[in-house]
Amino acid sequence: MDMNNWKSLSRTSVGIMITALLVVGCNTSGTAPEEPAAENAGTGGAGQTDANQGDAAEEVGYPSEITYWVQLNPNVAATMKDYGEIAAYKKVAEITGTKVTFQHPPVGQEKDQFNLMIASGELPDVIEYPWATAPKGADSLIKEGRILRLNELIAEHAPNLTKVLDENPEYRKMVTTDEGNIYVMPFIMGDPSLSVVHGPIVREDWLKKLGLEQPTTIAEWEAMLTAFRDGDPNGNGQKDEIPFLFSINDIDLDHLFVGAWGITQDFYQENGTVKYGPIQPEFKEYLATLAKWFGEGLIDPDFATTDGKLKDAKVTGNQLGAFTGYPGSSIGRYIDLMKENPEFSLVGPTYPALEESGYAMGNYSYPFSGIGAAVSATADNPEQIVKWLDYKYSEEGHFLFNFGIEGESYTMVDGYPTYTDAILKNPDGLPITQAMAKYFTANWSGPFIQDKRYMEQYYQLDQQKQANKNWSQADHSKQLPPLTLTADESSKTASIMNDVKTYRDEMINRFIMGAEPIDNFDKFVSTIESMGIQEAIAARQAALERYNARK
């Protein structure tokens, strides 16, 4: 492995600073006699030790065995029984000598199984989970003796992650709770481009046929959708085109259209003040616009009940002109499904503003969103476990979990880890995501730093790459960072928000469909207020202030 190429990464990517991993990349194996020599590590250098690593990390070896609870990714489940069959984990087992027994909850029961496990106190050594969705905050779980505070363990036994956090204080702030606890070995998206994965998608060939440019404002979207309705862009002589399809969850995720008014369908911040979008005056204007579009036949009349299969049928049936989705599962997949129609093409335009050069909010995820591997308080050997997890933040671990096995799933080409045909043109006919899953975990998550070069190759089509660039132009300054509610705040506001969201979703659909007149918006706001929304806002305001006060 060319260390110079690895080190040069940080010079070209401000947001990632992946060099943090690399400078200490060869530090994690230590000198324990049971560890293999560097030449057996596959990616090189695993047996080397940095003199600056310190004595503390040298005092422990890797654990002989670990129990590891983690949700089973669908791309893994398609071809394998558990994560132990992934090539990266096989290589780590070879390098560290650690036997890992993976425990995967039944698909669809992950949340329930997690809650039961935490409540029982019968815990595996490592629990990898999206902890932001846990019913109790990390600070409470630490106090209750469910998981460990990792600050000192990381400082003493995780030199690679320590280097990352030291050189990227914004990461340390995100992974530290309000009470100063680091509770997971985190999954961190190492580049801003990785934080933008969803947005508006339009039939590019329909735009060209109708002589239209990509829309940049709400007015231009309305003009485009009207042309889709009236201009027979699918060329069958029938007025059967569906101009636009969306779901409430899609708008929650990417703020399409509503973001043009500078608000969201949920909580957001404005100059440090937390607000709830649906009770803002601008939300009435947003709803009125969508209601107008629905009444004019610009929105799929079945938008509220259309599932993924129906959406697929409308796209592949050459009916749907615009929708929301991902570069991979939407743009890439649909272009592949429609390859028999050479004219079919999709484009991901920029998020629209109310006027030219106006404000537009779009999809964005903070580098750390609560996903990571915690160590249970009942683990017998937490020092060794932390050291084992830290291997993923080393140079070798970084390459393993982002690219797999050198010579099999990737080769180095001019210093760039380039996927082989085992990934891009899998001989068994596996989709790219499933081929990747056989070797590494970069296309979902885990306790490591995600590398943007994974995404650069996963997005094989120019349309996918351009969509990512276009969507990345949107503003995300009003989006809330990963907040931590206290146990009291969470318990007091969880039922409030369950009721509010149920009512909000129902009323958004009714307003758009015309079943509820827009003139009743004030009544809608009053009802949400009566449900206790101000208490939920206050809880998030307090959490935001605590977050901003973190050091």
Protein backbone atom coordinates (compact mmCIF):
# COMPACT_ATOMS: atom_id res chain seq x y z
CA MET A 1 0.00 0.00 0.00
CA ASP A 2 1.39 3.39 -0.94
CA MET A 3 1.41 5.42 2.30
CA ASN A 4 2.00 8.67 0.44
CA ASN A 5 -1.20 8.20 -1.54
CA TRP A 6 -3.07 7.47 1.67
CA LYS A 7 -1.70 10.56 3.39
CA SER A 8 -2.47 12.81 0.47
CA LEU A 9 -6.19 12.19 0.88
CA SER A 10 -6.74 14.85 3.50
CA ARG A 11 -5.27 17.56 1.30
CA THR A 12 -8.12 17.14 -1.12
CA SER A 13 -11.00 16.70 1.30
CA VAL A 14 -11.47 19.26 4.04
CA GLY A 15 -14.48 17.58 5.60
CA ILE A 16 -12.99 14.17 6.08
CA MET A 17 -9.48 14.45 7.29
CA ILE A 18 -9.16 10.76 6.75
CA THR A 19 -5.44 11.24 7.16
CA ALA A 20 -6.22 11.08 10.79
CA LEU A 21 -6.61 7.39 10.31
CA LEU A 22 -3.62 6.98 8.21
CA VAL A 23 -0.88 8.70 10.07
CA VAL A 24 -1.32 6.13 12.79
CA GLY A 25 -2.54 3.49 10.40
CA CYS A 26 -0.06 0.83 11.40
CA ASN A 27 -0.47 1.26 15.12
CA THR A 28 -3.17 -1.14 16.05
CA SER A 29 -1.70 -4.59 15.95
CA GLY A 30 0.79 -4.17 18.75
CA THR A 31 3.42 -6.77 19.37
CA ALA A 32 1.40 -9.62 20.83
CA PRO A 33 3.04 -12.86 19.73
CA GLU A 34 -0.20 -14.40 18.47
CA GLU A 35 -0.65 -11.66 15.87
CA PRO A 36 0.46 -12.41 12.32
CA ALA A 37 3.31 -10.62 10.66
CA ALA A 38 2.68 -7.66 8.38
CA GLU A 39 2.94 -9.67 5.22
CA ASN A 40 -0.08 -11.73 6.30
CA ALA A 41 -2.32 -8.72 6.85
CA GLY A 42 -3.53 -8.48 3.29
CA THR A 43 -3.39 -4.68 3.17
CA GLY A 44 0.09 -4.41 4.61
CA GLY A 45 1.67 -3.13 7.78
CA ALA A 46 -0.56 -4.75 10.37
CA GLY A 47 2.35 -5.95 12.46
CA GLN A 48 4.08 -2.57 12.73
CA THR A 49 3.97 -0.37 15.81
CA ASP A 50 4.26 3.41 16.07
CA ALA A 51 6.60 4.49 18.86
CA ASN A 52 4.19 7.28 19.71
CA GLN A 53 1.37 4.84 20.38
CA GLY A 54 2.23 4.74 24.07
CA ASP A 55 2.72 1.94 26.51
CA ALA A 56 -0.90 1.65 27.57
CA ALA A 57 -2.10 0.28 24.25
CA GLU A 58 0.73 -2.25 24.29
CA GLU A 59 -0.41 -3.79 27.55
CA VAL A 60 -3.40 -5.59 26.07
CA GLY A 61 -3.82 -7.89 23.11
CA TYR A 62 -6.84 -8.58 21.04
CA PRO A 63 -9.70 -10.55 22.63
CA SER A 64 -9.88 -14.25 21.95
CA GLU A 65 -13.61 -14.01 21.25
CA ILE A 66 -16.43 -11.43 21.07
CA THR A 67 -20.21 -11.60 20.86
CA TYR A 68 -21.45 -8.87 18.52
CA TRP A 69 -25.11 -7.81 18.10
CA VAL A 70 -25.94 -5.92 14.89
CA GLN A 71 -28.84 -5.58 12.48
CA LEU A 72 -28.51 -7.73 9.37
CA ASN A 73 -28.17 -5.56 6.29
CA PRO A 74 -30.43 -6.78 3.43
CA ASN A 75 -27.51 -6.82 1.01
CA VAL A 76 -25.73 -9.28 3.28
CA ALA A 77 -28.85 -11.35 3.88
CA ALA A 78 -29.27 -11.80 0.11
CA THR A 79 -26.21 -14.08 -0.12
CA MET A 80 -24.90 -14.78 3.41
CA LYS A 81 -26.10 -15.89 6.83
CA ASP A 82 -24.21 -13.39 8.97
CA TYR A 83 -21.50 -10.74 9.00
CA GLY A 84 -18.86 -13.33 9.76
CA GLU A 85 -18.98 -14.31 6.09
CA ILE A 86 -18.03 -10.82 4.89
CA ALA A 87 -14.47 -10.88 3.55
CA ALA A 88 -13.39 -7.84 5.61
CA TYR A 89 -14.45 -9.51 8.85
CA LYS A 90 -12.78 -12.76 7.81
CA LYS A 91 -9.53 -10.87 7.27
CA VAL A 92 -9.83 -9.09 10.63
CA ALA A 93 -10.32 -12.47 12.32
CA GLU A 94 -7.19 -13.71 10.57
CA ILE A 95 -5.17 -10.67 11.61
CA THR A 96 -6.36 -10.38 15.21
CA GLY A 97 -7.05 -14.00 16.05
CA THR A 98 -10.42 -12.91 17.49
CA LYS A 99 -13.43 -15.17 17.00
CA VAL A 100 -16.58 -13.08 16.56
CA THR A 101 -20.03 -14.57 17.07
CA PHE A 102 -22.51 -12.28 15.34
CA GLN A 103 -26.06 -12.03 16.65
CA HIS A 104 -28.63 -10.66 14.18
CA PRO A 105 -32.21 -9.89 15.24
CA PRO A 106 -34.98 -11.10 12.92
CA VAL A 107 -35.57 -8.73 10.01
CA GLY A 108 -38.38 -6.33 10.86
CA GLN A 109 -38.02 -6.93 14.59
CA GLU A 110 -34.77 -5.04 15.15
CA LYS A 111 -36.16 -2.25 17.32
CA ASP A 112 -38.27 -4.55 19.49
CA GLN A 113 -35.41 -7.00 19.94
CA PHE A 114 -33.03 -4.18 20.84
CA ASN A 115 -35.41 -2.82 23.47
CA LEU A 116 -35.98 -6.26 24.98
CA MET A 117 -32.25 -6.93 25.07
CA ILE A 118 -31.46 -3.64 26.79
CA ALA A 119 -34.27 -4.11 29.31
CA SER A 120 -33.18 -7.66 30.17
CA GLY A 121 -29.58 -6.75 30.90
CA GLU A 122 -28.48 -9.91 29.07
CA LEU A 123 -26.10 -8.19 26.71
CA PRO A 124 -23.51 -9.27 24.15
CA ASP A 125 -20.03 -7.74 24.29
CA VAL A 126 -20.65 -5.27 21.43
CA ILE A 127 -23.91 -3.67 20.31
CA GLU A 128 -23.93 -1.85 16.98
CA TYR A 129 -27.07 0.23 16.55
CA PRO A 130 -28.48 3.61 15.43
CA TRP A 131 -28.45 4.81 19.03
CA ALA A 132 -30.31 8.04 18.29
CA THR A 133 -33.45 5.90 17.94
CA ALA A 134 -33.00 4.19 21.32
CA PRO A 135 -35.77 4.88 23.86
CA LYS A 136 -33.21 6.07 26.40
CA GLY A 137 -30.22 8.33 25.83
CA ALA A 138 -26.68 7.07 26.07
CA ASP A 139 -26.03 8.92 29.34
CA SER A 140 -28.93 7.07 30.99
CA LEU A 141 -27.77 3.72 29.62
CA ILE A 142 -24.29 4.36 31.02
CA LYS A 143 -25.72 5.24 34.44
CA GLU A 144 -27.90 2.14 34.41
CA GLY A 145 -24.90 -0.08 33.72
CA ARG A 146 -25.97 -1.17 30.26
CA ILE A 147 -23.11 0.27 28.19
CA LEU A 148 -19.70 1.70 29.05
CA ARG A 149 -18.35 5.22 28.93
CA LEU A 150 -15.52 4.84 26.42
CA ASN A 151 -13.54 8.08 26.83
CA GLU A 152 -10.68 6.64 28.86
CA LEU A 153 -10.69 3.31 27.04
CA ILE A 154 -10.40 5.10 23.70
CA ALA A 155 -7.62 7.36 24.97
CA GLU A 156 -5.62 4.37 26.23
CA HIS A 157 -6.39 1.63 23.73
CA ALA A 158 -7.69 3.24 20.51
CA PRO A 159 -4.84 5.34 19.07
CA ASN A 160 -6.33 5.41 15.58
CA LEU A 161 -9.73 6.73 16.61
CA THR A 162 -8.06 9.09 19.11
CA LYS A 163 -6.07 10.60 16.26
CA VAL A 164 -9.24 11.07 14.20
CA LEU A 165 -11.05 12.82 17.04
CA ASP A 166 -8.04 14.97 17.96
CA GLU A 167 -7.62 16.23 14.42
CA ASN A 168 -11.36 16.65 13.82
CA PRO A 169 -12.83 18.40 16.87
CA GLU A 170 -16.23 18.62 15.14
CA TYR A 171 -16.35 14.82 15.15
CA ARG A 172 -15.47 14.68 18.85
CA LYS A 173 -18.25 17.16 19.60
CA MET A 174 -20.78 15.02 17.75
CA VAL A 175 -19.80 11.71 19.35
CA THR A 176 -19.71 13.16 22.88
CA THR A 177 -22.94 13.39 24.87
CA ASP A 178 -24.13 16.41 26.82
CA GLU A 179 -22.64 14.87 29.97
CA GLY A 180 -19.26 14.38 28.31
CA ASN A 181 -19.52 10.67 27.52
CA ILE A 182 -18.30 8.97 24.36
CA TYR A 183 -20.51 5.91 24.16
CA VAL A 184 -19.71 4.30 20.79
CA MET A 185 -16.93 3.63 18.38
CA PRO A 186 -18.65 5.75 15.73
CA PHE A 187 -19.62 5.47 12.11
CA ILE A 188 -18.47 8.71 10.48
CA MET A 189 -19.17 9.82 6.94
CA GLY A 190 -15.79 11.17 5.94
CA ASP A 191 -16.79 13.66 3.26
CA PRO A 192 -19.68 16.13 2.72
CA SER A 193 -20.59 14.35 -0.53
CA LEU A 194 -21.47 11.27 1.51
CA SER A 195 -23.97 13.29 3.54
CA VAL A 196 -26.24 14.02 0.56
CA VAL A 197 -28.01 10.94 -0.78
CA HIS A 198 -31.61 11.86 -1.65
CA GLY A 199 -33.37 14.43 -3.75
CA PRO A 200 -35.61 15.36 -6.69
CA ILE A 201 -35.39 13.29 -9.87
CA VAL A 202 -36.77 14.26 -13.28
CA ARG A 203 -37.11 12.54 -16.66
CA GLU A 204 -34.28 14.20 -18.55
CA ASP A 205 -35.50 12.86 -21.92
CA TRP A 206 -38.92 14.45 -21.30
CA LEU A 207 -37.26 17.79 -20.61
CA LYS A 208 -35.38 17.59 -23.90
CA LYS A 209 -38.45 16.53 -25.85
CA LEU A 210 -40.42 19.49 -24.51
CA GLY A 211 -37.55 21.96 -24.87
CA LEU A 212 -37.31 22.62 -21.11
CA GLU A 213 -34.37 23.38 -18.87
CA GLN A 214 -33.94 21.80 -15.46
CA PRO A 215 -36.16 23.71 -13.00
CA THR A 216 -34.53 25.83 -10.30
CA THR A 217 -37.54 27.59 -8.75
CA ILE A 218 -41.01 26.60 -7.54
CA ALA A 219 -42.54 28.46 -10.51
CA GLU A 220 -40.33 26.57 -12.95
CA TRP A 221 -41.32 23.28 -11.32
CA GLU A 222 -44.97 24.16 -11.82
CA ALA A 223 -44.34 25.04 -15.47
CA MET A 224 -42.43 21.79 -16.01
CA LEU A 225 -45.09 19.63 -14.37
CA THR A 226 -47.78 21.36 -16.43
CA ALA A 227 -45.82 20.60 -19.60
CA PHE A 228 -45.49 16.97 -18.53
CA ARG A 229 -49.27 16.83 -18.08
CA ASP A 230 -50.15 18.45 -21.40
CA GLY A 231 -47.23 17.83 -23.75
CA ASP A 232 -47.49 14.03 -24.26
CA PRO A 233 -43.78 13.52 -23.46
CA ASN A 234 -44.11 9.71 -23.47
CA GLY A 235 -45.35 9.99 -27.07
CA ASN A 236 -48.24 7.53 -26.89
CA GLY A 237 -50.89 10.04 -27.90
CA GLN A 238 -52.69 9.70 -24.57
CA LYS A 239 -52.86 12.08 -21.65
CA ASP A 240 -51.70 9.43 -19.19
CA GLU A 241 -48.57 11.06 -17.83
CA ILE A 242 -48.21 11.45 -14.04
CA PRO A 243 -46.23 14.66 -13.56
CA PHE A 244 -45.04 14.19 -9.95
CA LEU A 245 -45.08 11.58 -7.17
CA PHE A 246 -43.85 11.99 -3.60
CA SER A 247 -44.46 10.76 -0.06
CA ILE A 248 -44.57 12.60 3.26
CA ASN A 249 -41.56 10.57 4.43
CA ASP A 250 -39.62 11.68 1.36
CA ILE A 251 -40.26 15.34 2.19
CA ASP A 252 -39.29 14.72 5.81
CA LEU A 253 -35.99 13.35 4.53
CA ASP A 254 -35.05 15.88 1.88
CA HIS A 255 -37.24 18.98 2.53
CA LEU A 256 -38.14 19.19 -1.17
CA PHE A 257 -40.35 22.22 -1.92
CA VAL A 258 -41.04 23.02 1.76
CA GLY A 259 -37.37 23.97 2.11
CA ALA A 260 -37.87 26.74 -0.44
CA TRP A 261 -39.87 28.57 2.23
CA GLY A 262 -36.97 28.21 4.67
CA ILE A 263 -38.74 25.69 6.88
CA THR A 264 -39.16 21.91 7.20
CA GLN A 265 -41.99 19.53 7.97
CA ASP A 266 -40.36 18.86 11.33
CA PHE A 267 -38.02 20.59 13.79
CA TYR A 268 -35.33 22.95 12.53
CA GLN A 269 -33.34 25.89 13.88
CA GLU A 270 -33.14 29.52 12.90
CA ASN A 271 -30.30 31.53 14.42
CA GLY A 272 -30.12 29.12 17.33
CA THR A 273 -33.87 29.02 17.97
CA VAL A 274 -35.67 25.70 17.51
CA LYS A 275 -38.93 25.85 15.56
CA TYR A 276 -41.51 23.35 14.35
CA GLY A 277 -42.22 23.83 10.66
CA PRO A 278 -45.90 22.83 10.39
CA ILE A 279 -47.02 25.61 12.73
CA GLN A 280 -45.18 28.36 10.83
CA PRO A 281 -47.11 30.73 8.52
CA GLU A 282 -44.91 29.63 5.60
CA PHE A 283 -46.22 26.10 5.95
CA LYS A 284 -49.65 27.33 4.88
CA GLU A 285 -48.15 28.73 1.66
CA TYR A 286 -46.35 25.46 1.02
CA LEU A 287 -49.54 23.42 1.53
CA ALA A 288 -51.51 25.82 -0.65
CA THR A 289 -49.01 25.34 -3.46
CA LEU A 290 -49.19 21.54 -3.31
CA ALA A 291 -52.98 21.67 -3.04
CA LYS A 292 -53.08 23.82 -6.18
CA TRP A 293 -50.84 21.37 -8.00
CA PHE A 294 -52.94 18.42 -6.88
CA GLY A 295 -56.13 20.11 -8.01
CA GLU A 296 -54.59 20.77 -11.43
CA GLY A 297 -53.51 17.17 -11.92
CA LEU A 298 -49.79 17.84 -11.43
CA ILE A 299 -49.44 15.40 -8.50
CA ASP A 300 -50.22 11.69 -8.64
CA PRO A 301 -53.78 11.34 -7.29
CA ASP A 302 -52.64 8.18 -5.47
CA PHE A 303 -49.53 9.74 -3.91
CA ALA A 304 -50.62 8.87 -0.36
CA THR A 305 -51.06 5.15 -1.08
CA THR A 306 -48.42 4.41 -3.71
CA ASP A 307 -45.82 1.96 -2.42
CA GLY A 308 -42.45 1.03 -3.87
CA LYS A 309 -43.78 -1.57 -6.30
CA LEU A 310 -46.41 0.78 -7.69
CA LYS A 311 -43.82 3.51 -8.02
CA ASP A 312 -41.57 1.13 -9.96
CA ALA A 313 -44.46 0.27 -12.26
CA LYS A 314 -45.18 3.94 -12.97
CA VAL A 315 -41.54 4.70 -13.76
CA THR A 316 -40.94 1.63 -15.92
CA GLY A 317 -44.37 2.07 -17.51
CA ASN A 318 -43.12 5.36 -18.94
CA GLN A 319 -45.74 7.37 -17.03
CA LEU A 320 -43.95 9.19 -14.21
CA GLY A 321 -42.16 12.47 -14.94
CA ALA A 322 -40.70 13.49 -11.58
CA PHE A 323 -40.28 11.94 -8.14
CA THR A 324 -37.86 11.73 -5.24
CA GLY A 325 -35.23 9.09 -4.61
CA TYR A 326 -31.62 7.99 -4.29
CA PRO A 327 -28.86 7.98 -6.90
CA GLY A 328 -28.42 4.22 -6.55
CA SER A 329 -31.80 2.63 -5.98
CA SER A 330 -33.62 5.17 -8.11
CA ILE A 331 -31.47 6.80 -10.81
CA GLY A 332 -29.11 3.89 -11.38
CA ARG A 333 -31.67 1.13 -10.97
CA TYR A 334 -34.33 2.71 -13.14
CA ILE A 335 -31.90 3.50 -15.94
CA ASP A 336 -30.81 -0.14 -15.83
CA LEU A 337 -34.40 -1.40 -15.80
CA MET A 338 -35.20 0.81 -18.79
CA LYS A 339 -32.10 -0.03 -20.82
CA GLU A 340 -34.33 -1.37 -23.61
CA ASN A 341 -35.52 2.21 -24.05
CA PRO A 342 -32.32 4.06 -25.08
CA GLU A 343 -34.02 7.45 -24.79
CA PHE A 344 -34.88 6.98 -21.12
CA SER A 345 -32.75 9.17 -18.89
CA LEU A 346 -33.00 10.73 -15.44
CA VAL A 347 -31.47 13.84 -13.93
CA GLY A 348 -31.27 15.11 -10.36
CA PRO A 349 -31.85 18.88 -10.52
CA THR A 350 -30.89 21.30 -7.77
CA TYR A 351 -33.34 21.88 -4.96
CA PRO A 352 -35.75 24.65 -5.96
CA ALA A 353 -35.97 28.09 -4.34
CA LEU A 354 -38.89 30.50 -4.39
CA GLU A 355 -36.96 32.76 -6.74
CA GLU A 356 -33.70 32.71 -8.66
CA SER A 357 -30.68 32.54 -6.34
CA GLY A 358 -33.07 32.26 -3.40
CA TYR A 359 -32.88 29.99 -0.36
CA ALA A 360 -33.19 26.24 -0.92
CA MET A 361 -32.90 23.62 1.80
CA GLY A 362 -32.08 20.02 0.90
CA ASN A 363 -31.13 16.61 2.18
CA TYR A 364 -28.14 16.42 4.51
CA SER A 365 -26.91 14.07 7.22
CA TYR A 366 -24.33 15.11 9.78
CA PRO A 367 -21.08 13.09 9.65
CA PHE A 368 -22.14 11.31 12.85
CA SER A 369 -25.81 10.52 13.40
CA GLY A 370 -25.67 8.16 16.37
CA ILE A 371 -24.66 4.97 14.56
CA GLY A 372 -21.83 3.07 16.19
CA ALA A 373 -20.65 0.14 18.29
CA ALA A 374 -21.08 0.35 22.05
CA VAL A 375 -19.36 -1.95 24.53
CA SER A 376 -21.69 -3.52 27.08
CA ALA A 377 -20.99 -2.98 30.76
CA THR A 378 -20.98 -6.74 31.24
CA ALA A 379 -18.12 -7.38 28.82
CA ASP A 380 -15.19 -9.13 30.53
CA ASN A 381 -12.44 -7.53 28.48
CA PRO A 382 -13.44 -3.99 27.38
CA GLU A 383 -9.84 -2.87 26.85
CA GLN A 384 -9.23 -5.65 24.34
CA ILE A 385 -12.59 -5.08 22.66
CA VAL A 386 -11.87 -1.36 22.18
CA LYS A 387 -8.48 -2.21 20.74
CA TRP A 388 -10.12 -4.70 18.36
CA LEU A 389 -12.72 -2.13 17.25
CA ASP A 390 -9.99 0.49 16.80
CA TYR A 391 -8.42 -1.66 14.09
CA LYS A 392 -11.17 -0.46 11.73
CA TYR A 393 -9.86 3.11 12.06
CA SER A 394 -6.33 2.10 11.06
CA GLU A 395 -5.08 2.33 7.50
CA GLU A 396 -5.53 -1.39 6.94
CA GLY A 397 -8.94 -1.45 8.56
CA HIS A 398 -10.05 1.58 6.59
CA PHE A 399 -9.21 -0.11 3.31
CA LEU A 400 -10.75 -3.41 4.40
CA PHE A 401 -14.14 -1.96 5.31
CA ASN A 402 -14.32 0.49 2.40
CA PHE A 403 -12.79 -1.56 -0.40
CA GLY A 404 -12.33 -5.14 0.76
CA ILE A 405 -9.45 -7.40 -0.23
CA GLU A 406 -6.69 -5.99 -2.41
CA GLY A 407 -6.31 -8.07 -5.54
CA GLU A 408 -9.85 -9.43 -5.23
CA SER A 409 -12.38 -6.65 -4.77
CA TYR A 410 -10.02 -3.75 -5.56
CA THR A 411 -6.61 -2.90 -6.93
CA MET A 412 -4.54 0.24 -6.54
CA VAL A 413 -4.47 2.22 -9.81
CA ASP A 414 -2.31 5.35 -9.67
CA GLY A 415 -2.82 5.48 -5.93
CA TYR A 416 -6.61 5.09 -6.17
CA PRO A 417 -8.33 2.00 -4.71
CA THR A 418 -10.26 0.83 -7.77
CA TYR A 419 -12.99 -1.78 -7.56
CA THR A 420 -12.53 -4.87 -9.71
CA ASP A 421 -15.12 -6.68 -11.80
CA ALA A 422 -15.94 -8.74 -8.71
CA ILE A 423 -17.77 -5.60 -7.58
CA LEU A 424 -18.66 -3.64 -10.71
CA LYS A 425 -19.40 -6.57 -13.03
CA ASN A 426 -19.97 -9.42 -10.65
CA PRO A 427 -19.50 -12.77 -12.40
CA ASP A 428 -22.45 -14.23 -10.48
CA GLY A 429 -24.69 -11.41 -11.67
CA LEU A 430 -25.05 -9.82 -8.25
CA PRO A 431 -26.11 -6.17 -8.07
CA ILE A 432 -23.27 -3.86 -7.05
CA THR A 433 -24.66 -3.41 -3.53
CA GLN A 434 -24.77 -7.17 -2.93
CA ALA A 435 -21.34 -7.68 -4.48
CA MET A 436 -19.96 -4.98 -2.19
CA ALA A 437 -21.58 -6.61 0.83
CA LYS A 438 -19.68 -9.83 0.22
CA TYR A 439 -16.44 -7.92 0.82
CA PHE A 440 -17.03 -4.80 2.95
CA THR A 441 -19.61 -2.62 4.72
CA ALA A 442 -19.05 0.81 3.13
CA ASN A 443 -22.45 0.83 1.45
CA TRP A 444 -24.25 0.96 4.78
CA SER A 445 -22.46 1.69 8.06
CA GLY A 446 -20.42 0.41 10.98
CA PRO A 447 -17.67 1.58 13.33
CA PHE A 448 -15.27 3.03 10.73
CA ILE A 449 -14.74 6.12 8.57
CA GLN A 450 -16.63 5.94 5.29
CA ASP A 451 -14.45 6.87 2.30
CA LYS A 452 -15.85 9.05 -0.49
CA ARG A 453 -13.98 6.94 -3.05
CA TYR A 454 -16.48 4.17 -2.34
CA MET A 455 -19.29 6.49 -3.43
CA GLU A 456 -17.40 7.79 -6.44
CA GLN A 457 -17.35 4.27 -7.85
CA TYR A 458 -20.75 3.15 -6.63
CA TYR A 459 -22.17 6.04 -8.66
CA GLN A 460 -21.12 4.69 -12.03
CA LEU A 461 -23.36 6.87 -14.17
CA ASP A 462 -22.76 10.53 -14.93
CA GLN A 463 -26.39 11.20 -14.00
CA GLN A 464 -25.79 9.83 -10.50
CA LYS A 465 -22.62 11.84 -9.97
CA GLN A 466 -24.22 15.04 -11.25
CA ALA A 467 -27.27 14.53 -9.04
CA ASN A 468 -25.02 14.30 -5.99
CA LYS A 469 -23.30 17.54 -7.02
CA ASN A 470 -26.58 19.32 -7.70
CA TRP A 471 -28.19 18.25 -4.44
CA SER A 472 -25.07 19.22 -2.51
CA GLN A 473 -25.63 22.86 -3.45
CA ALA A 474 -28.63 23.12 -1.10
CA ASP A 475 -28.36 24.84 2.25
CA HIS A 476 -28.47 22.78 5.44
CA SER A 477 -27.58 25.42 8.03
CA LYS A 478 -31.07 25.25 9.57
CA GLN A 479 -30.93 21.52 10.12
CA LEU A 480 -30.56 20.42 13.73
CA PRO A 481 -27.33 18.65 14.68
CA PRO A 482 -27.49 15.20 16.35
CA LEU A 483 -29.11 16.22 19.65
CA THR A 484 -29.31 14.18 22.84
CA LEU A 485 -32.54 14.42 24.81
CA THR A 486 -32.37 13.58 28.50
CA ALA A 487 -34.38 10.60 29.73
CA ASP A 488 -36.92 13.00 31.22
CA GLU A 489 -37.18 15.06 28.02
CA SER A 490 -37.54 11.94 25.93
CA SER A 491 -40.21 10.35 28.12
CA LYS A 492 -42.23 13.58 28.31
CA THR A 493 -42.17 14.35 24.61
CA ALA A 494 -42.22 10.91 22.92
CA SER A 495 -45.98 10.48 23.20
CA ILE A 496 -46.51 14.12 22.24
CA MET A 497 -44.61 13.68 19.01
CA ASN A 498 -46.24 10.35 18.20
CA ASP A 499 -49.64 12.05 18.37
CA VAL A 500 -48.44 15.18 16.57
CA LYS A 501 -46.89 13.24 13.70
CA THR A 502 -49.97 11.06 13.23
CA TYR A 503 -52.19 14.15 13.10
CA ARG A 504 -49.70 16.09 10.95
CA ASP A 505 -49.47 13.32 8.33
CA GLU A 506 -53.23 12.93 8.12
CA MET A 507 -53.81 16.66 7.75
CA ILE A 508 -51.04 17.23 5.19
CA ASN A 509 -52.73 14.65 2.97
CA ARG A 510 -56.16 16.20 3.54
CA PHE A 511 -54.93 19.72 2.78
CA ILE A 512 -53.16 18.64 -0.40
CA MET A 513 -56.10 16.56 -1.64
CA GLY A 514 -58.56 19.35 -0.92
CA ALA A 515 -60.47 17.34 1.67
CA GLU A 516 -59.55 20.05 4.18
CA PRO A 517 -59.70 23.68 3.02
CA ILE A 518 -56.53 25.71 3.43
CA ASP A 519 -58.60 28.25 5.36
CA ASN A 520 -58.59 25.74 8.23
CA PHE A 521 -54.83 26.02 8.63
CA ASP A 522 -55.12 28.09 11.81
CA LYS A 523 -57.30 25.35 13.33
CA PHE A 524 -54.61 22.82 12.33
CA VAL A 525 -51.98 24.90 14.14
CA SER A 526 -54.15 25.29 17.21
CA THR A 527 -54.69 21.54 17.42
CA ILE A 528 -50.95 20.86 17.28
CA GLU A 529 -50.40 23.50 19.93
CA SER A 530 -52.99 21.79 22.15
CA MET A 531 -51.10 18.51 21.82
CA GLY A 532 -48.10 19.99 23.63
CA ILE A 533 -45.79 20.89 20.76
CA GLN A 534 -44.26 23.77 22.74
CA GLU A 535 -42.98 21.30 25.33
CA ALA A 536 -41.37 19.26 22.58
CA ILE A 537 -39.83 22.42 21.10
CA ALA A 538 -38.51 23.45 24.52
CA ALA A 539 -36.89 20.04 25.01
CA ARG A 540 -35.06 20.34 21.70
CA GLN A 541 -34.11 23.93 22.42
CA ALA A 542 -32.48 22.83 25.67
CA ALA A 543 -30.75 19.96 23.86
CA LEU A 544 -29.47 22.33 21.16
CA GLU A 545 -28.05 24.70 23.76
CA ARG A 546 -26.33 21.80 25.49
CA TYR A 547 -24.94 20.64 22.16
CA ASN A 548 -23.61 24.10 21.33
CA ALA A 549 -21.96 24.25 24.75
CA ARG A 550 -20.03 21.04 24.18
CA LYS A 551 -16.29 21.37 23.86
